[in-house]
């Protein structure tokens, strides 16, 4: 797995928030140590695990789902929701083409240009 895919996977739960909220939260927290501490605390409260256990043994994706569930508790308008199948299919389609381009580049273009690893 490449690093970009892992990054996208880790933050995928946050896509359930409206775009305006994501931008606002990102600007106010910066996804730094303060934000990570908040996410760890929420995951600890939800699972009754220690902060060390959450930090070292729980994926960021799972922690972000606990964050979304916590935000959902106060979401009176129902803005926190999963994407529909059409949106998910579009993401899968785009990722498939991205992987295909990478495969072609690594296996054909580099060899055609004389880059033999």
N, C-alpha and C. Protein backbone atom coordinates (compact mmCIF):
# COMPACT_ATOMS: atom_id res chain seq x y z
N UNK A 1 0.83 -1.18 0.00
CA UNK A 1 0.00 0.00 0.00
C UNK A 1 0.87 1.24 0.00
N UNK A 2 0.45 2.22 -0.76
CA UNK A 2 1.23 3.45 -0.79
C UNK A 2 0.75 4.42 0.29
N UNK A 3 1.58 5.39 0.59
CA UNK A 3 1.33 6.32 1.67
C UNK A 3 0.08 7.18 1.40
N UNK A 4 -0.12 7.60 0.17
CA UNK A 4 -1.29 8.41 -0.16
C UNK A 4 -2.58 7.64 0.10
N UNK A 5 -2.60 6.36 -0.24
CA UNK A 5 -3.80 5.54 0.00
C UNK A 5 -4.07 5.43 1.51
N UNK A 6 -3.02 5.22 2.29
CA UNK A 6 -3.19 5.11 3.75
C UNK A 6 -3.69 6.42 4.33
N UNK A 7 -3.19 7.52 3.81
CA UNK A 7 -3.65 8.84 4.27
C UNK A 7 -5.13 9.02 3.96
N UNK A 8 -5.52 8.71 2.73
CA UNK A 8 -6.93 8.84 2.34
C UNK A 8 -7.82 7.93 3.19
N UNK A 9 -7.36 6.72 3.44
CA UNK A 9 -8.12 5.77 4.25
C UNK A 9 -8.29 6.28 5.68
N UNK A 10 -7.23 6.83 6.24
CA UNK A 10 -7.27 7.30 7.63
C UNK A 10 -8.28 8.42 7.82
N UNK A 11 -8.38 9.31 6.83
CA UNK A 11 -9.25 10.46 6.98
C UNK A 11 -10.59 10.29 6.28
N UNK A 12 -10.84 9.13 5.72
CA UNK A 12 -12.11 8.88 5.04
C UNK A 12 -13.32 9.09 5.95
N UNK A 13 -13.29 8.69 7.21
CA UNK A 13 -14.47 8.93 8.06
C UNK A 13 -14.87 10.41 8.14
N UNK A 14 -13.89 11.30 8.05
CA UNK A 14 -14.18 12.73 8.16
C UNK A 14 -14.96 13.24 6.95
N UNK A 15 -14.99 12.46 5.88
CA UNK A 15 -15.75 12.86 4.70
C UNK A 15 -17.25 12.81 4.94
N UNK A 16 -17.67 12.23 6.07
CA UNK A 16 -19.09 12.23 6.40
C UNK A 16 -19.55 13.59 6.89
N UNK A 17 -18.61 14.47 7.23
CA UNK A 17 -18.97 15.81 7.66
C UNK A 17 -19.20 16.68 6.43
N UNK A 18 -20.05 17.69 6.54
CA UNK A 18 -20.21 18.63 5.42
C UNK A 18 -18.89 19.32 5.12
N UNK A 19 -18.66 19.66 3.86
CA UNK A 19 -17.39 20.25 3.45
C UNK A 19 -17.07 21.51 4.25
N UNK A 20 -18.06 22.35 4.48
CA UNK A 20 -17.83 23.59 5.22
C UNK A 20 -17.31 23.31 6.62
N UNK A 21 -17.84 22.30 7.26
CA UNK A 21 -17.41 21.94 8.61
C UNK A 21 -15.99 21.39 8.59
N UNK A 22 -15.67 20.56 7.58
CA UNK A 22 -14.32 20.00 7.48
C UNK A 22 -13.29 21.11 7.34
N UNK A 23 -13.59 22.08 6.48
CA UNK A 23 -12.65 23.19 6.25
C UNK A 23 -12.50 24.00 7.52
N UNK A 24 -13.61 24.31 8.18
CA UNK A 24 -13.60 25.08 9.42
C UNK A 24 -12.80 24.36 10.50
N UNK A 25 -13.06 23.07 10.68
CA UNK A 25 -12.34 22.29 11.69
C UNK A 25 -10.86 22.20 11.37
N UNK A 26 -10.51 21.99 10.11
CA UNK A 26 -9.11 21.87 9.71
C UNK A 26 -8.37 23.18 9.96
N UNK A 27 -9.01 24.30 9.66
CA UNK A 27 -8.37 25.60 9.87
C UNK A 27 -8.20 25.91 11.35
N UNK A 28 -9.16 25.53 12.16
CA UNK A 28 -9.09 25.86 13.59
C UNK A 28 -8.16 24.94 14.36
N UNK A 29 -8.05 23.69 13.96
CA UNK A 29 -7.21 22.75 14.71
C UNK A 29 -5.87 22.48 14.04
N UNK A 30 -5.83 22.48 12.73
CA UNK A 30 -4.58 22.23 12.03
C UNK A 30 -4.15 20.78 12.03
N UNK A 31 -4.98 19.89 12.54
CA UNK A 31 -4.64 18.47 12.60
C UNK A 31 -3.27 18.24 13.24
N UNK A 32 -3.00 18.96 14.29
CA UNK A 32 -1.74 18.83 15.01
C UNK A 32 -1.91 18.02 16.28
N UNK A 33 -1.03 18.28 17.23
CA UNK A 33 -1.04 17.54 18.49
C UNK A 33 -2.34 17.76 19.27
N UNK A 34 -2.87 18.98 19.25
CA UNK A 34 -4.13 19.25 19.96
C UNK A 34 -5.26 18.41 19.38
N UNK A 35 -5.33 18.36 18.06
CA UNK A 35 -6.38 17.58 17.40
C UNK A 35 -6.21 16.09 17.70
N UNK A 36 -4.98 15.59 17.60
CA UNK A 36 -4.73 14.17 17.86
C UNK A 36 -5.08 13.80 19.30
N UNK A 37 -4.75 14.69 20.23
CA UNK A 37 -5.09 14.44 21.63
C UNK A 37 -6.60 14.35 21.82
N UNK A 38 -7.34 15.24 21.14
CA UNK A 38 -8.80 15.21 21.23
C UNK A 38 -9.35 13.90 20.67
N UNK A 39 -8.83 13.46 19.53
CA UNK A 39 -9.30 12.22 18.92
C UNK A 39 -8.98 11.02 19.81
N UNK A 40 -7.80 11.01 20.39
CA UNK A 40 -7.42 9.92 21.29
C UNK A 40 -8.33 9.89 22.52
N UNK A 41 -8.63 11.06 23.07
CA UNK A 41 -9.51 11.12 24.24
C UNK A 41 -10.90 10.58 23.90
N UNK A 42 -11.42 10.96 22.75
CA UNK A 42 -12.74 10.47 22.34
C UNK A 42 -12.72 8.96 22.17
N UNK A 43 -11.68 8.43 21.53
CA UNK A 43 -11.56 6.98 21.35
C UNK A 43 -11.42 6.26 22.69
N UNK A 44 -10.66 6.85 23.61
CA UNK A 44 -10.52 6.26 24.96
C UNK A 44 -11.87 6.18 25.66
N UNK A 45 -12.62 7.27 25.60
CA UNK A 45 -13.93 7.30 26.26
C UNK A 45 -14.89 6.29 25.64
N UNK A 46 -14.81 6.12 24.33
CA UNK A 46 -15.74 5.21 23.64
C UNK A 46 -15.39 3.74 23.86
N UNK A 47 -14.11 3.46 24.07
CA UNK A 47 -13.68 2.06 24.14
C UNK A 47 -13.20 1.62 25.51
N UNK A 48 -13.05 2.55 26.44
CA UNK A 48 -12.49 2.26 27.77
C UNK A 48 -11.06 1.73 27.70
N UNK A 49 -10.33 2.16 26.68
CA UNK A 49 -8.92 1.79 26.55
C UNK A 49 -8.06 2.94 27.04
N UNK A 50 -6.80 2.63 27.35
CA UNK A 50 -5.87 3.67 27.77
C UNK A 50 -5.42 4.48 26.56
N UNK A 51 -4.91 5.66 26.83
CA UNK A 51 -4.43 6.50 25.73
C UNK A 51 -3.27 5.83 24.99
N UNK A 52 -2.39 5.14 25.72
CA UNK A 52 -1.29 4.43 25.06
C UNK A 52 -1.82 3.33 24.14
N UNK A 53 -2.83 2.61 24.60
CA UNK A 53 -3.41 1.55 23.79
C UNK A 53 -4.02 2.12 22.51
N UNK A 54 -4.76 3.20 22.66
CA UNK A 54 -5.36 3.83 21.48
C UNK A 54 -4.29 4.36 20.55
N UNK A 55 -3.32 5.07 21.10
CA UNK A 55 -2.28 5.69 20.28
C UNK A 55 -1.44 4.67 19.51
N UNK A 56 -1.10 3.56 20.15
CA UNK A 56 -0.18 2.62 19.52
C UNK A 56 -0.84 1.40 18.89
N UNK A 57 -2.09 1.12 19.25
CA UNK A 57 -2.70 -0.12 18.75
C UNK A 57 -3.98 0.08 17.95
N UNK A 58 -4.47 1.31 17.85
CA UNK A 58 -5.71 1.54 17.12
C UNK A 58 -5.38 2.37 15.87
N UNK A 59 -6.00 2.02 14.77
CA UNK A 59 -5.74 2.77 13.54
C UNK A 59 -6.36 4.16 13.62
N UNK A 60 -5.78 5.10 12.87
CA UNK A 60 -6.33 6.44 12.82
C UNK A 60 -7.72 6.42 12.19
N UNK A 61 -7.94 5.52 11.26
CA UNK A 61 -9.26 5.38 10.66
C UNK A 61 -10.30 5.07 11.73
N UNK A 62 -10.01 4.10 12.58
CA UNK A 62 -10.94 3.72 13.64
C UNK A 62 -11.15 4.89 14.60
N UNK A 63 -10.08 5.57 14.97
CA UNK A 63 -10.21 6.73 15.87
C UNK A 63 -11.09 7.80 15.25
N UNK A 64 -10.94 8.02 13.95
CA UNK A 64 -11.74 9.04 13.28
C UNK A 64 -13.22 8.64 13.23
N UNK A 65 -13.51 7.35 13.16
CA UNK A 65 -14.91 6.92 13.23
C UNK A 65 -15.49 7.22 14.61
N UNK A 66 -14.71 7.06 15.67
CA UNK A 66 -15.18 7.43 17.00
C UNK A 66 -15.42 8.93 17.08
N UNK A 67 -14.55 9.71 16.44
CA UNK A 67 -14.72 11.16 16.39
C UNK A 67 -16.04 11.52 15.69
N UNK A 68 -16.28 10.90 14.54
CA UNK A 68 -17.51 11.16 13.79
C UNK A 68 -18.74 10.78 14.64
N UNK A 69 -18.68 9.66 15.31
CA UNK A 69 -19.81 9.26 16.15
C UNK A 69 -20.06 10.25 17.28
N UNK A 70 -18.99 10.81 17.82
CA UNK A 70 -19.14 11.82 18.87
C UNK A 70 -19.77 13.09 18.31
N UNK A 71 -19.32 13.51 17.15
CA UNK A 71 -19.89 14.71 16.51
C UNK A 71 -21.35 14.47 16.14
N UNK A 72 -21.65 13.26 15.72
CA UNK A 72 -23.01 12.91 15.30
C UNK A 72 -24.01 13.08 16.46
N UNK A 73 -23.55 12.91 17.70
CA UNK A 73 -24.45 13.05 18.85
C UNK A 73 -25.07 14.44 18.95
N UNK A 74 -24.35 15.45 18.45
CA UNK A 74 -24.85 16.83 18.52
C UNK A 74 -25.32 17.34 17.16
N UNK A 75 -25.36 16.49 16.17
CA UNK A 75 -25.74 16.88 14.82
C UNK A 75 -27.26 16.84 14.67
N UNK A 76 -27.90 17.94 15.00
CA UNK A 76 -29.37 18.00 14.98
C UNK A 76 -29.94 18.00 13.56
N UNK A 77 -29.19 18.51 12.57
CA UNK A 77 -29.68 18.59 11.20
C UNK A 77 -29.44 17.32 10.39
N UNK A 78 -28.71 16.38 10.93
CA UNK A 78 -28.41 15.15 10.19
C UNK A 78 -27.40 15.34 9.07
N UNK A 79 -26.45 16.26 9.29
CA UNK A 79 -25.43 16.53 8.27
C UNK A 79 -24.32 15.49 8.23
N UNK A 80 -24.15 14.76 9.32
CA UNK A 80 -23.11 13.73 9.38
C UNK A 80 -23.72 12.45 8.83
N UNK A 81 -23.27 12.04 7.67
CA UNK A 81 -23.85 10.85 7.03
C UNK A 81 -22.86 10.22 6.07
N UNK A 82 -23.09 8.97 5.79
CA UNK A 82 -22.26 8.25 4.82
C UNK A 82 -22.60 8.75 3.42
N UNK A 83 -21.61 8.63 2.56
CA UNK A 83 -21.84 9.00 1.16
C UNK A 83 -22.69 7.95 0.49
N UNK A 84 -23.41 8.35 -0.53
CA UNK A 84 -24.24 7.39 -1.24
C UNK A 84 -23.39 6.50 -2.16
N UNK A 85 -24.00 5.47 -2.70
CA UNK A 85 -23.29 4.50 -3.54
C UNK A 85 -22.66 5.14 -4.76
N UNK A 86 -23.33 6.13 -5.33
CA UNK A 86 -22.79 6.80 -6.52
C UNK A 86 -21.46 7.47 -6.21
N UNK A 87 -21.39 8.14 -5.07
CA UNK A 87 -20.14 8.80 -4.68
C UNK A 87 -19.04 7.77 -4.42
N UNK A 88 -19.39 6.69 -3.75
CA UNK A 88 -18.42 5.64 -3.46
C UNK A 88 -17.94 4.99 -4.75
N UNK A 89 -18.85 4.71 -5.67
CA UNK A 89 -18.48 4.12 -6.96
C UNK A 89 -17.54 5.03 -7.73
N UNK A 90 -17.78 6.34 -7.67
CA UNK A 90 -16.91 7.29 -8.35
C UNK A 90 -15.50 7.23 -7.77
N UNK A 91 -15.40 7.17 -6.45
CA UNK A 91 -14.09 7.09 -5.81
C UNK A 91 -13.36 5.79 -6.18
N UNK A 92 -14.08 4.69 -6.21
CA UNK A 92 -13.49 3.41 -6.59
C UNK A 92 -13.01 3.47 -8.03
N UNK A 93 -13.83 4.02 -8.91
CA UNK A 93 -13.50 4.15 -10.33
C UNK A 93 -12.22 4.99 -10.51
N UNK A 94 -12.17 6.14 -9.81
CA UNK A 94 -10.99 7.00 -9.91
C UNK A 94 -9.74 6.32 -9.38
N UNK A 95 -9.88 5.59 -8.28
CA UNK A 95 -8.72 4.89 -7.69
C UNK A 95 -8.24 3.79 -8.61
N UNK A 96 -9.17 3.09 -9.27
CA UNK A 96 -8.79 2.03 -10.21
C UNK A 96 -7.96 2.60 -11.35
N UNK A 97 -8.37 3.73 -11.90
CA UNK A 97 -7.61 4.35 -12.97
C UNK A 97 -6.26 4.86 -12.47
N UNK A 98 -6.23 5.40 -11.26
CA UNK A 98 -4.98 5.86 -10.67
C UNK A 98 -3.98 4.71 -10.54
N UNK A 99 -4.45 3.57 -10.05
CA UNK A 99 -3.58 2.40 -9.91
C UNK A 99 -3.13 1.89 -11.28
N UNK A 100 -4.04 1.92 -12.27
CA UNK A 100 -3.70 1.50 -13.62
C UNK A 100 -2.62 2.38 -14.23
N UNK A 101 -2.73 3.69 -14.04
CA UNK A 101 -1.71 4.61 -14.55
C UNK A 101 -0.36 4.34 -13.89
N UNK A 102 -0.38 4.14 -12.57
CA UNK A 102 0.87 3.85 -11.86
C UNK A 102 1.50 2.55 -12.37
N UNK A 103 0.68 1.53 -12.56
CA UNK A 103 1.18 0.24 -13.04
C UNK A 103 1.78 0.40 -14.44
N UNK A 104 1.09 1.09 -15.31
CA UNK A 104 1.57 1.29 -16.68
C UNK A 104 2.89 2.06 -16.66
N UNK A 105 2.94 3.12 -15.85
CA UNK A 105 4.15 3.93 -15.76
C UNK A 105 5.33 3.09 -15.28
N UNK A 106 5.12 2.29 -14.25
CA UNK A 106 6.21 1.49 -13.68
C UNK A 106 6.64 0.35 -14.58
N UNK A 107 5.70 -0.24 -15.29
CA UNK A 107 6.01 -1.45 -16.04
C UNK A 107 6.24 -1.25 -17.53
N UNK A 108 5.83 -0.12 -18.06
CA UNK A 108 5.97 0.07 -19.50
C UNK A 108 6.69 1.36 -19.86
N UNK A 109 6.28 2.48 -19.33
CA UNK A 109 6.89 3.74 -19.70
C UNK A 109 8.35 3.81 -19.29
N UNK A 110 8.66 3.42 -18.08
CA UNK A 110 10.04 3.49 -17.61
C UNK A 110 10.94 2.55 -18.42
N UNK A 111 10.43 1.38 -18.80
CA UNK A 111 11.21 0.44 -19.59
C UNK A 111 11.40 0.95 -21.01
N UNK A 112 10.37 1.61 -21.57
CA UNK A 112 10.48 2.17 -22.91
C UNK A 112 11.49 3.30 -22.95
N UNK A 113 11.64 4.03 -21.87
CA UNK A 113 12.55 5.15 -21.80
C UNK A 113 13.96 4.73 -21.35
N UNK A 114 14.17 3.45 -21.23
CA UNK A 114 15.50 2.94 -20.87
C UNK A 114 15.80 2.88 -19.40
N UNK A 115 14.82 3.08 -18.56
CA UNK A 115 15.01 2.98 -17.11
C UNK A 115 14.74 1.55 -16.68
N UNK A 116 15.74 0.73 -16.70
CA UNK A 116 15.58 -0.67 -16.28
C UNK A 116 16.14 -0.80 -14.88
N UNK A 117 15.27 -1.01 -13.94
CA UNK A 117 15.71 -1.11 -12.52
C UNK A 117 16.45 -2.37 -12.25
